[in-house]
Amino acid sequence: MIDLRINKEGLKHNIEKAKENHIIIPTIAQMQNPDLIPEKIKEKLTHTGLWDVDPVNLFRISWHNEAKEFGGLYQHTPNYVEIPSSLSGVPCRILAMSGKWFPTGCHKVGASFGCLAPRLVTGQFDATYHHAVWPSTGNYCRGGAFNSKLLACDSVAILPQDMSKERFDWLKSIAGQIIATPGCESNVKEIFDKTWELKKDPSMMIFNQFAEMGNPLWHYNVTGYALADLFEAVKKPGQRLAGACFTSGSAGTMSSGDLLKERYPGMKLAVGEALQCPTILDNGFGGHRIEGIGDKHIPWVHNVKNTDMAIAIDDEDSQRLLRLFNCKEGQEYLKSLGMTDEQIEKFTWMGISGIANVLCCIKMAKYYELTEDDVVVTVLTDSAVMYKSRVEELNAQHGAYSAFEAEKDHALHMLGLKTDSMLELTYTERKRVHNLKYYTWVEQQGMNVEDLNAQWYDTKGTWDAVHAQAKDLDELIDAFNDEVGILKTL
């Protein structure tokens, strides 16, 4: 469970700093349901940009934001992209909830909030002394650095050197320090090694998304609820929620599947990974190009016992489809299939890992032979905004795009997906995957083997207990805001 014990000295410092910077911290309940947000805060949002470095943007850590770059408020149905059957090649509905309309253009701003907020409102993190260290394969350190800036905390962003240029360019204006580690998305151990080096300095506090229980707490209580809201808002008579698919990354998003499985018994929950690094599928390893999902280990926060299927996606598929959705010639081809301008614009809401998530949904639909009565959901972590340089690189590598290339990419990399490189997880297979945590977390990262066993044998005392801590966290946030006093003066 998340440690919510109070450090009085640190809490006192944080309250004073919040007063100085006019900070009000949102609750998890407000992120679930923006109707609970005070009207005075909503009024301020109407003249604030989505990416502005303003503490009021903490209240835009929500899936219910309007699709506006400036002045947006909230809507009942979360923003989403529906993949039509003419594009996917499967009859079931695929709904992908969009992370583009969070500050920073990525939902990781929420996961990082879930990790920082508990330590900030308990005083365990002292904003006058500590630096918040955000080890990441890309977007998490962006969200962490942004939240740190809004909460008047110093930050250190760690990410692999091979991540997209856009990430580094933006971080230069937000993070206090940027550290680029060797390798690509799958080089997670190198990130962990850097955190061990930084830990020697007691002022460096590590917020490791792969191990912080605030990550699944946020996704269960915010992403899970939003996906249920989306399904209920757009389902047609007779349709059922048949499945949910999420590439692993830190596995925080997988906990939204825990909520969905409680709400919709019988649905299947799948975890995706890169075919070039099939750690879950067959203990494999390697490098890949699906930016934002880390590999060669099983995240500590992944509730493997509740995962029904593993799906591997070829990174070439995601790269080719990135061109299809974001080149003029590809968009003209999509129009020839009957797609509207609005649909084509929404396809740019899919970043590389988002495309991989959609491909997982297609493979699941083919495997289980899903029909028009079935719905599969996923999330789009970020959008193509973060990958314009990647599109340019692909054009330079493969030559100018054309209608023929677009049709070929659609046929080979989406319609042509097969049910290979998939594994329906039996009890024994789930236990095998869970046991892989031992080698990373107990042997390398100093976790306790009793806690590892509790994740498997005491699910109520671990996962259910963490999910339920949202109520305790909200009480601490309310008490913090009361002491700061800014909310009372609005």
Protein backbone atom coordinates (compact mmCIF):
# COMPACT_ATOMS: atom_id res chain seq x y z
CA MET A 1 0.00 0.00 0.00
CA ILE A 2 0.96 3.66 -0.36
CA ASP A 3 2.59 5.12 2.72
CA LEU A 4 0.38 8.03 3.87
CA ARG A 5 2.14 8.78 7.16
CA ILE A 6 2.61 12.49 7.86
CA ASN A 7 5.98 14.26 8.05
CA LYS A 8 4.97 17.44 9.90
CA GLU A 9 8.04 19.51 9.00
CA GLY A 10 7.89 18.71 5.30
CA LEU A 11 4.13 19.26 5.23
CA LYS A 12 4.55 22.67 6.85
CA HIS A 13 7.08 23.68 4.17
CA ASN A 14 4.82 22.43 1.36
CA ILE A 15 1.84 24.36 2.69
CA GLU A 16 3.88 27.57 2.83
CA LYS A 17 5.16 27.03 -0.71
CA ALA A 18 1.64 26.35 -1.96
CA LYS A 19 0.47 29.62 -0.38
CA GLU A 20 3.27 31.52 -2.09
CA ASN A 21 2.45 30.02 -5.49
CA HIS A 22 -1.37 30.03 -5.20
CA ILE A 23 -1.62 26.26 -5.56
CA ILE A 24 -4.82 24.27 -5.12
CA ILE A 25 -4.51 20.50 -5.54
CA PRO A 26 -7.37 18.58 -7.21
CA THR A 27 -8.79 15.41 -5.70
CA ILE A 28 -9.10 12.04 -7.40
CA ALA A 29 -12.88 12.43 -7.11
CA GLN A 30 -12.69 15.68 -9.11
CA MET A 31 -10.60 13.95 -11.77
CA GLN A 32 -13.28 11.25 -11.99
CA ASN A 33 -16.12 13.76 -12.08
CA PRO A 34 -15.30 17.36 -13.08
CA ASP A 35 -18.78 18.45 -11.93
CA LEU A 36 -17.20 18.52 -8.44
CA ILE A 37 -14.67 21.21 -9.43
CA PRO A 38 -15.50 24.68 -8.01
CA GLU A 39 -17.00 27.13 -10.52
CA LYS A 40 -14.31 29.74 -9.77
CA ILE A 41 -11.64 27.31 -10.92
CA LYS A 42 -13.61 26.51 -14.08
CA GLU A 43 -13.90 30.24 -14.78
CA LYS A 44 -10.13 30.61 -14.63
CA LEU A 45 -9.69 27.65 -16.99
CA THR A 46 -11.73 29.48 -19.63
CA HIS A 47 -8.81 31.86 -20.17
CA THR A 48 -5.92 29.41 -19.64
CA GLY A 49 -4.09 27.45 -22.35
CA LEU A 50 -4.00 23.66 -22.13
CA TRP A 51 -0.20 23.58 -21.87
CA ASP A 52 0.23 26.78 -19.82
CA VAL A 53 2.51 26.45 -16.80
CA ASP A 54 -0.22 27.52 -14.41
CA PRO A 55 -1.27 25.61 -11.25
CA VAL A 56 -4.90 25.78 -12.35
CA ASN A 57 -4.02 23.27 -15.08
CA LEU A 58 -3.78 20.62 -12.37
CA PHE A 59 -7.57 20.60 -12.74
CA ARG A 60 -7.15 19.53 -16.36
CA ILE A 61 -5.74 16.18 -15.28
CA SER A 62 -8.93 14.58 -16.56
CA TRP A 63 -10.15 12.46 -19.48
CA HIS A 64 -13.22 14.70 -19.69
CA ASN A 65 -11.45 17.80 -21.03
CA GLU A 66 -12.91 19.53 -24.06
CA ALA A 67 -10.81 19.16 -27.20
CA LYS A 68 -9.48 22.72 -27.08
CA GLU A 69 -5.97 24.13 -26.96
CA PHE A 70 -7.18 27.19 -25.02
CA GLY A 71 -10.01 27.86 -22.62
CA GLY A 72 -11.56 24.41 -22.65
CA LEU A 73 -13.71 23.05 -19.85
CA TYR A 74 -15.24 19.57 -19.58
CA GLN A 75 -17.64 17.24 -21.36
CA HIS A 76 -19.60 14.19 -20.23
CA THR A 77 -18.15 11.79 -22.82
CA PRO A 78 -14.33 11.56 -22.90
CA ASN A 79 -12.65 12.36 -26.22
CA TYR A 80 -12.12 9.21 -28.24
CA VAL A 81 -11.32 7.81 -31.65
CA GLU A 82 -13.49 5.06 -33.08
CA ILE A 83 -11.75 2.77 -35.56
CA PRO A 84 -14.32 1.94 -38.28
CA SER A 85 -14.54 -1.62 -39.58
CA SER A 86 -13.51 -0.47 -43.06
CA LEU A 87 -10.19 0.53 -41.51
CA SER A 88 -9.72 -2.19 -38.88
CA GLY A 89 -11.00 -5.13 -40.92
CA VAL A 90 -12.94 -6.51 -37.92
CA PRO A 91 -16.68 -6.15 -37.26
CA CYS A 92 -16.48 -5.21 -33.57
CA ARG A 93 -16.29 -1.61 -32.38
CA ILE A 94 -12.87 -0.35 -31.24
CA LEU A 95 -12.93 2.76 -29.03
CA ALA A 96 -9.65 4.49 -28.17
CA MET A 97 -9.82 7.20 -25.48
CA SER A 98 -7.55 10.11 -26.34
CA GLY A 99 -4.73 11.44 -24.15
CA LYS A 100 -4.03 14.37 -26.49
CA TRP A 101 -6.22 16.74 -24.47
CA PHE A 102 -4.33 16.46 -21.20
CA PRO A 103 -1.73 19.15 -20.42
CA THR A 104 1.52 17.98 -22.10
CA GLY A 105 -0.66 16.09 -24.62
CA CYS A 106 -0.32 12.82 -22.73
CA HIS A 107 -2.15 10.97 -19.94
CA LYS A 108 1.11 10.33 -18.11
CA VAL A 109 0.58 13.71 -16.46
CA GLY A 110 -2.10 11.87 -14.47
CA ALA A 111 0.02 8.88 -13.52
CA SER A 112 2.82 11.16 -12.34
CA PHE A 113 0.32 13.17 -10.28
CA GLY A 114 -0.77 9.92 -8.64
CA CYS A 115 2.83 9.32 -7.59
CA LEU A 116 3.75 12.85 -6.42
CA ALA A 117 0.54 13.93 -4.68
CA PRO A 118 0.65 11.38 -1.81
CA ARG A 119 4.18 12.35 -0.82
CA LEU A 120 3.50 16.07 -1.23
CA VAL A 121 0.36 16.23 0.94
CA THR A 122 1.94 14.04 3.62
CA GLY A 123 5.16 16.06 3.69
CA GLN A 124 7.31 13.02 2.88
CA PHE A 125 8.46 15.02 -0.14
CA ASP A 126 9.66 18.43 1.06
CA ALA A 127 9.40 20.94 -1.79
CA THR A 128 12.01 23.16 -0.08
CA TYR A 129 14.60 20.36 -0.01
CA HIS A 130 13.88 17.48 -2.37
CA HIS A 131 14.20 17.15 -6.14
CA ALA A 132 11.54 15.00 -7.82
CA VAL A 133 13.30 12.46 -10.06
CA TRP A 134 11.20 11.05 -12.91
CA PRO A 135 12.73 7.92 -14.54
CA SER A 136 10.89 7.25 -17.78
CA THR A 137 10.84 5.89 -21.31
CA GLY A 138 9.47 9.23 -22.48
CA ASN A 139 6.11 10.69 -21.49
CA TYR A 140 6.10 9.97 -17.77
CA CYS A 141 9.07 12.25 -17.12
CA ARG A 142 7.33 14.94 -19.19
CA GLY A 143 4.22 14.66 -17.03
CA GLY A 144 6.29 14.53 -13.86
CA ALA A 145 8.33 17.60 -14.80
CA PHE A 146 5.14 19.50 -15.70
CA ASN A 147 3.39 18.62 -12.44
CA SER A 148 6.54 19.50 -10.51
CA LYS A 149 6.62 22.92 -12.15
CA LEU A 150 2.94 23.52 -11.36
CA LEU A 151 3.45 22.40 -7.76
CA ALA A 152 6.60 24.53 -7.30
CA CYS A 153 8.91 21.51 -7.01
CA ASP A 154 12.34 20.99 -8.58
CA SER A 155 12.51 18.12 -11.06
CA VAL A 156 14.97 15.78 -12.76
CA ALA A 157 13.81 14.05 -15.97
CA ILE A 158 15.45 10.78 -17.02
CA LEU A 159 14.74 9.22 -20.42
CA PRO A 160 16.59 7.19 -23.10
CA GLN A 161 18.72 9.18 -25.52
CA ASP A 162 16.99 7.67 -28.57
CA MET A 163 13.55 9.13 -27.74
CA SER A 164 11.99 11.62 -30.15
CA LYS A 165 13.45 15.10 -30.56
CA GLU A 166 10.13 16.71 -29.59
CA ARG A 167 10.32 15.26 -26.09
CA PHE A 168 13.77 16.67 -25.39
CA ASP A 169 12.99 20.07 -26.90
CA TRP A 170 9.93 20.56 -24.69
CA LEU A 171 11.62 19.27 -21.53
CA LYS A 172 14.34 21.91 -21.82
CA SER A 173 11.80 24.58 -20.88
CA ILE A 174 10.20 22.65 -18.00
CA ALA A 175 12.56 20.28 -16.19
CA GLY A 176 15.25 21.48 -13.84
CA GLN A 177 17.64 18.84 -15.17
CA ILE A 178 17.49 16.34 -18.05
CA ILE A 179 19.47 13.09 -18.07
CA ALA A 180 19.62 11.01 -21.27
CA THR A 181 20.50 7.36 -20.62
CA PRO A 182 21.93 4.95 -23.23
CA GLY A 183 19.63 3.12 -25.63
CA CYS A 184 15.96 3.14 -26.61
CA GLU A 185 12.56 2.25 -25.13
CA SER A 186 13.60 -1.23 -24.06
CA ASN A 187 16.67 -0.05 -22.13
CA VAL A 188 14.88 0.30 -18.81
CA LYS A 189 17.68 -1.12 -16.65
CA GLU A 190 19.94 1.73 -17.70
CA ILE A 191 17.31 4.12 -16.34
CA PHE A 192 17.16 2.19 -13.07
CA ASP A 193 20.96 2.24 -12.81
CA LYS A 194 20.92 6.03 -13.08
CA THR A 195 18.34 6.29 -10.29
CA TRP A 196 20.55 4.20 -7.99
CA GLU A 197 23.37 6.63 -8.69
CA LEU A 198 21.15 9.62 -7.88
CA LYS A 199 19.84 7.99 -4.69
CA LYS A 200 23.24 8.57 -3.10
CA ASP A 201 22.14 12.20 -2.78
CA PRO A 202 19.42 12.28 -0.05
CA SER A 203 17.80 15.32 -1.67
CA MET A 204 16.93 13.22 -4.74
CA MET A 205 13.55 11.49 -4.31
CA ILE A 206 12.80 8.88 -6.97
CA PHE A 207 9.28 8.52 -8.38
CA ASN A 208 9.66 5.26 -10.27
CA GLN A 209 6.46 4.74 -12.26
CA PHE A 210 7.19 1.03 -12.60
CA ALA A 211 7.07 0.59 -8.82
CA GLU A 212 4.99 3.49 -7.43
CA MET A 213 1.54 2.32 -6.36
CA GLY A 214 0.23 5.83 -6.95
CA ASN A 215 0.41 4.95 -10.65
CA PRO A 216 -2.21 2.13 -10.55
CA LEU A 217 -4.23 4.03 -7.94
CA TRP A 218 -4.68 6.90 -10.41
CA HIS A 219 -5.41 4.73 -13.45
CA TYR A 220 -7.88 2.50 -11.63
CA ASN A 221 -9.81 5.44 -10.19
CA VAL A 222 -9.55 7.86 -13.12
CA THR A 223 -8.79 6.02 -16.39
CA GLY A 224 -10.92 3.01 -15.47
CA TYR A 225 -13.91 5.18 -14.56
CA ALA A 226 -13.49 7.25 -17.75
CA LEU A 227 -13.42 4.16 -19.97
CA ALA A 228 -16.60 2.93 -18.30
CA ASP A 229 -18.16 6.38 -18.85
CA LEU A 230 -17.17 6.24 -22.51
CA PHE A 231 -18.61 2.78 -23.08
CA GLU A 232 -21.88 3.62 -21.35
CA ALA A 233 -22.21 6.85 -23.35
CA VAL A 234 -21.73 5.36 -26.82
CA LYS A 235 -22.82 1.70 -26.58
CA LYS A 236 -25.66 0.59 -28.83
CA PRO A 237 -28.52 -1.70 -27.80
CA GLY A 238 -27.29 -5.25 -27.26
CA GLN A 239 -23.58 -4.37 -27.24
CA ARG A 240 -21.26 -5.63 -24.50
CA LEU A 241 -17.79 -4.62 -23.38
CA ALA A 242 -15.83 -7.62 -24.61
CA GLY A 243 -12.26 -6.55 -23.94
CA ALA A 244 -9.60 -3.96 -23.18
CA CYS A 245 -6.02 -3.86 -24.46
CA PHE A 246 -3.07 -1.79 -23.21
CA THR A 247 0.60 -1.96 -24.11
CA SER A 248 2.56 -2.52 -20.93
CA GLY A 249 4.80 0.52 -20.49
CA SER A 250 4.78 0.96 -16.73
CA ALA A 251 1.59 -1.20 -16.61
CA GLY A 252 -0.26 1.55 -14.74
CA THR A 253 -2.97 1.62 -17.39
CA MET A 254 -3.53 -2.10 -16.86
CA SER A 255 -5.12 -1.25 -13.51
CA SER A 256 -7.92 0.56 -15.36
CA GLY A 257 -8.66 -2.92 -16.70
CA ASP A 258 -9.02 -4.11 -13.09
CA LEU A 259 -11.86 -1.62 -12.65
CA LEU A 260 -13.45 -2.61 -15.97
CA LYS A 261 -13.34 -6.32 -15.10
CA GLU A 262 -15.18 -5.55 -11.86
CA ARG A 263 -17.82 -3.57 -13.73
CA TYR A 264 -18.10 -5.92 -16.71
CA PRO A 265 -17.45 -9.53 -15.63
CA GLY A 266 -16.50 -11.76 -18.52
CA MET A 267 -14.52 -9.20 -20.48
CA LYS A 268 -10.92 -10.03 -21.44
CA LEU A 269 -7.93 -7.90 -20.41
CA ALA A 270 -4.84 -8.02 -22.64
CA VAL A 271 -1.35 -6.63 -22.22
CA GLY A 272 0.62 -5.68 -25.32
CA GLU A 273 4.34 -5.49 -25.97
CA ALA A 274 6.71 -5.17 -28.91
CA LEU A 275 7.34 -8.32 -30.94
CA GLN A 276 11.00 -7.29 -31.02
CA CYS A 277 11.11 -7.54 -27.21
CA PRO A 278 8.62 -10.27 -26.19
CA THR A 279 9.38 -10.41 -22.47
CA ILE A 280 5.85 -11.41 -21.43
CA LEU A 281 5.27 -13.70 -24.39
CA ASP A 282 8.36 -15.87 -24.02
CA ASN A 283 10.89 -14.21 -21.66
CA GLY A 284 12.38 -12.47 -24.72
CA PHE A 285 14.53 -9.36 -25.02
CA GLY A 286 15.64 -6.83 -27.63
CA GLY A 287 15.25 -3.24 -28.82
CA HIS A 288 12.22 -1.75 -30.57
CA ARG A 289 10.62 1.46 -31.85
CA ILE A 290 7.27 1.62 -30.05
CA GLU A 291 8.17 4.72 -28.06
CA GLY A 292 6.92 4.90 -24.49
CA ILE A 293 6.67 1.21 -23.63
CA GLY A 294 9.57 -0.22 -21.65
CA ASP A 295 10.57 -3.86 -21.70
CA LYS A 296 12.92 -6.60 -20.48
CA HIS A 297 11.14 -6.61 -17.14
CA ILE A 298 7.67 -6.90 -15.61
CA PRO A 299 6.63 -3.73 -13.78
CA TRP A 300 6.14 -4.10 -10.04
CA VAL A 301 2.72 -2.42 -10.35
CA HIS A 302 1.32 -4.89 -12.92
CA ASN A 303 -1.43 -7.07 -11.45
CA VAL A 304 -0.49 -10.02 -13.64
CA LYS A 305 -2.96 -12.37 -11.99
CA ASN A 306 -5.82 -10.35 -13.52
CA THR A 307 -4.40 -10.36 -17.08
CA ASP A 308 -5.98 -12.73 -19.61
CA MET A 309 -3.81 -12.40 -22.70
CA ALA A 310 -0.42 -11.23 -23.99
CA ILE A 311 -0.23 -9.73 -27.50
CA ALA A 312 2.96 -8.83 -29.34
CA ILE A 313 2.92 -6.05 -31.98
CA ASP A 314 5.57 -5.71 -34.69
CA ASP A 315 7.06 -2.24 -34.36
CA GLU A 316 7.16 -1.98 -38.17
CA ASP A 317 3.36 -2.04 -38.21
CA SER A 318 3.14 0.95 -35.87
CA GLN A 319 5.76 2.90 -37.83
CA ARG A 320 4.12 2.34 -41.21
CA LEU A 321 0.69 3.30 -39.89
CA LEU A 322 2.11 6.46 -38.35
CA ARG A 323 2.92 7.54 -41.92
CA LEU A 324 -0.49 6.46 -43.20
CA PHE A 325 -2.34 8.61 -40.67
CA ASN A 326 -0.07 11.66 -40.87
CA CYS A 327 1.01 12.08 -44.50
CA LYS A 328 -1.23 13.98 -46.94
CA GLU A 329 -1.22 11.07 -49.40
CA GLY A 330 -2.26 8.66 -46.65
CA GLN A 331 -5.08 10.93 -45.56
CA GLU A 332 -6.32 11.19 -49.15
CA TYR A 333 -6.35 7.39 -49.33
CA LEU A 334 -8.40 7.24 -46.12
CA LYS A 335 -10.86 9.69 -47.67
CA SER A 336 -11.22 7.32 -50.64
CA LEU A 337 -12.36 4.64 -48.16
CA GLY A 338 -15.20 6.92 -47.08
CA MET A 339 -13.57 8.45 -44.00
CA THR A 340 -14.75 11.95 -43.11
CA ASP A 341 -12.43 14.90 -42.51
CA GLU A 342 -13.29 14.69 -38.80
CA GLN A 343 -12.33 11.01 -38.65
CA ILE A 344 -9.08 11.61 -40.51
CA GLU A 345 -8.17 14.44 -38.14
CA LYS A 346 -8.88 12.21 -35.15
CA PHE A 347 -6.53 9.54 -36.50
CA THR A 348 -3.70 12.04 -35.83
CA TRP A 349 -4.64 11.71 -32.14
CA MET A 350 -2.82 8.36 -32.20
CA GLY A 351 0.87 8.34 -31.28
CA ILE A 352 3.07 5.31 -31.87
CA SER A 353 2.07 3.45 -28.70
CA GLY A 354 -1.57 4.41 -29.31
CA ILE A 355 -1.39 2.79 -32.75
CA ALA A 356 0.10 -0.30 -31.10
CA ASN A 357 -2.81 -0.34 -28.63
CA VAL A 358 -5.31 -0.26 -31.51
CA LEU A 359 -3.46 -3.10 -33.25
CA CYS A 360 -3.71 -5.13 -30.04
CA CYS A 361 -7.48 -4.58 -30.11
CA ILE A 362 -7.68 -5.80 -33.71
CA LYS A 363 -5.71 -8.94 -32.89
CA MET A 364 -7.90 -9.63 -29.86
CA ALA A 365 -11.01 -9.18 -32.01
CA LYS A 366 -9.71 -11.68 -34.55
CA TYR A 367 -8.62 -14.18 -31.91
CA TYR A 368 -11.97 -14.22 -30.10
CA GLU A 369 -13.98 -13.78 -33.34
CA LEU A 370 -15.77 -10.74 -31.94
CA THR A 371 -18.86 -9.41 -33.72
CA GLU A 372 -20.86 -6.20 -34.16
CA ASP A 373 -22.27 -6.79 -30.69
CA ASP A 374 -18.83 -6.49 -29.10
CA VAL A 375 -16.82 -3.44 -28.05
CA VAL A 376 -13.09 -3.36 -27.26
CA VAL A 377 -11.54 -0.31 -25.58
CA THR A 378 -8.06 1.10 -25.21
CA VAL A 379 -6.29 4.44 -24.66
CA LEU A 380 -4.10 6.65 -26.80
CA THR A 381 -1.29 7.70 -24.49
CA ASP A 382 -0.29 10.64 -26.69
CA SER A 383 -0.75 11.91 -30.25
CA ALA A 384 1.27 12.34 -33.45
CA VAL A 385 2.34 15.79 -32.19
CA MET A 386 5.18 14.03 -30.38
CA TYR A 387 6.35 12.20 -33.52
CA LYS A 388 6.53 14.68 -36.41
CA SER A 389 10.28 14.16 -36.59
CA ARG A 390 9.70 10.39 -36.77
CA VAL A 391 7.42 10.85 -39.79
CA GLU A 392 10.15 12.91 -41.47
CA GLU A 393 12.70 10.20 -40.69
CA LEU A 394 10.41 7.52 -42.16
CA ASN A 395 9.91 9.59 -45.31
CA ALA A 396 13.66 9.99 -45.66
CA GLN A 397 14.18 6.27 -45.08
CA HIS A 398 11.44 4.90 -47.36
CA GLY A 399 11.05 7.68 -49.91
CA ALA A 400 8.11 9.93 -50.73
CA TYR A 401 4.71 8.67 -49.66
CA SER A 402 2.05 7.88 -52.26
CA ALA A 403 -1.50 6.55 -52.61
CA PHE A 404 -0.03 3.17 -53.55
CA GLU A 405 2.16 3.10 -50.42
CA ALA A 406 -0.85 4.09 -48.30
CA GLU A 407 -3.00 1.27 -49.68
CA LYS A 408 -0.14 -1.18 -49.21
CA ASP A 409 0.50 -0.09 -45.62
CA HIS A 410 -3.18 -0.43 -44.77
CA ALA A 411 -3.36 -3.89 -46.33
CA LEU A 412 -0.15 -5.25 -44.82
CA HIS A 413 0.06 -3.54 -41.46
CA MET A 414 -3.59 -3.39 -40.39
CA LEU A 415 -5.92 -5.52 -42.48
CA GLY A 416 -3.25 -8.22 -42.71
CA LEU A 417 -2.79 -8.66 -38.96
CA LYS A 418 -2.94 -12.29 -37.88
CA THR A 419 -3.42 -14.05 -34.57
CA ASP A 420 0.24 -15.02 -34.28
CA SER A 421 2.46 -13.90 -31.38
CA MET A 422 -0.45 -14.04 -28.94
CA LEU A 423 -0.80 -16.04 -25.76
CA GLU A 424 -3.96 -16.72 -23.76
CA LEU A 425 -2.62 -16.76 -20.22
CA THR A 426 -3.45 -19.82 -18.17
CA TYR A 427 -2.96 -19.77 -14.41
CA THR A 428 0.50 -21.28 -14.91
CA GLU A 429 1.46 -18.74 -17.57
CA ARG A 430 0.34 -15.83 -15.40
CA LYS A 431 2.41 -17.19 -12.53
CA ARG A 432 5.44 -17.47 -14.84
CA VAL A 433 5.08 -13.82 -15.87
CA HIS A 434 4.52 -12.70 -12.28
CA ASN A 435 7.63 -14.61 -11.16
CA LEU A 436 9.76 -12.62 -13.61
CA LYS A 437 9.33 -9.67 -11.26
CA TYR A 438 11.67 -11.40 -8.82
CA TYR A 439 14.76 -10.93 -10.95
CA THR A 440 14.25 -7.20 -11.51
CA TRP A 441 12.64 -6.08 -8.30
CA VAL A 442 13.93 -8.34 -5.54
CA GLU A 443 17.41 -9.14 -6.85
CA GLN A 444 18.18 -5.77 -8.48
CA GLN A 445 15.92 -3.12 -6.95
CA GLY A 446 15.72 -4.18 -3.31
CA MET A 447 12.04 -5.05 -3.06
CA ASN A 448 10.76 -7.55 -0.48
CA VAL A 449 9.95 -11.10 -1.60
CA GLU A 450 7.07 -11.24 0.92
CA ASP A 451 5.47 -8.27 -0.84
CA LEU A 452 6.00 -9.98 -4.19
CA ASN A 453 4.18 -13.07 -2.93
CA ALA A 454 1.40 -10.93 -1.44
CA GLN A 455 0.69 -9.48 -4.90
CA TRP A 456 -0.18 -12.99 -6.03
CA TYR A 457 -1.70 -14.61 -2.95
CA ASP A 458 -3.32 -11.62 -1.22
CA THR A 459 -4.90 -9.57 -4.00
CA LYS A 460 -7.41 -7.91 -1.66
CA GLY A 461 -4.67 -6.84 0.72
CA THR A 462 -2.55 -5.42 -2.12
CA TRP A 463 -4.37 -4.33 -5.30
CA ASP A 464 -7.82 -3.78 -3.81
CA ALA A 465 -6.31 -1.99 -0.84
CA VAL A 466 -4.28 0.37 -3.05
CA HIS A 467 -7.29 1.16 -5.26
CA ALA A 468 -9.31 2.03 -2.14
CA GLN A 469 -6.67 4.48 -0.90
CA ALA A 470 -8.03 7.14 -3.28
CA LYS A 471 -10.51 8.10 -0.55
CA ASP A 472 -7.74 8.49 2.04
CA LEU A 473 -5.64 10.51 -0.40
CA ASP A 474 -8.55 12.83 -1.16
CA GLU A 475 -9.04 13.50 2.55
CA LEU A 476 -5.38 14.49 2.83
CA ILE A 477 -5.66 16.71 -0.26
CA ASP A 478 -8.72 18.45 1.18
CA ALA A 479 -6.91 19.01 4.48
CA PHE A 480 -3.87 20.38 2.62
CA ASN A 481 -6.01 22.80 0.60
CA ASP A 482 -7.77 23.94 3.76
CA GLU A 483 -4.43 24.77 5.39
CA VAL A 484 -3.19 26.60 2.29
CA GLY A 485 -6.40 28.65 2.28
CA ILE A 486 -6.39 29.71 -1.38
CA LEU A 487 -9.57 27.78 -2.14
CA LYS A 488 -11.48 29.75 0.51
CA THR A 489 -10.54 33.08 -1.07
CA LEU A 490 -11.75 32.28 -4.59
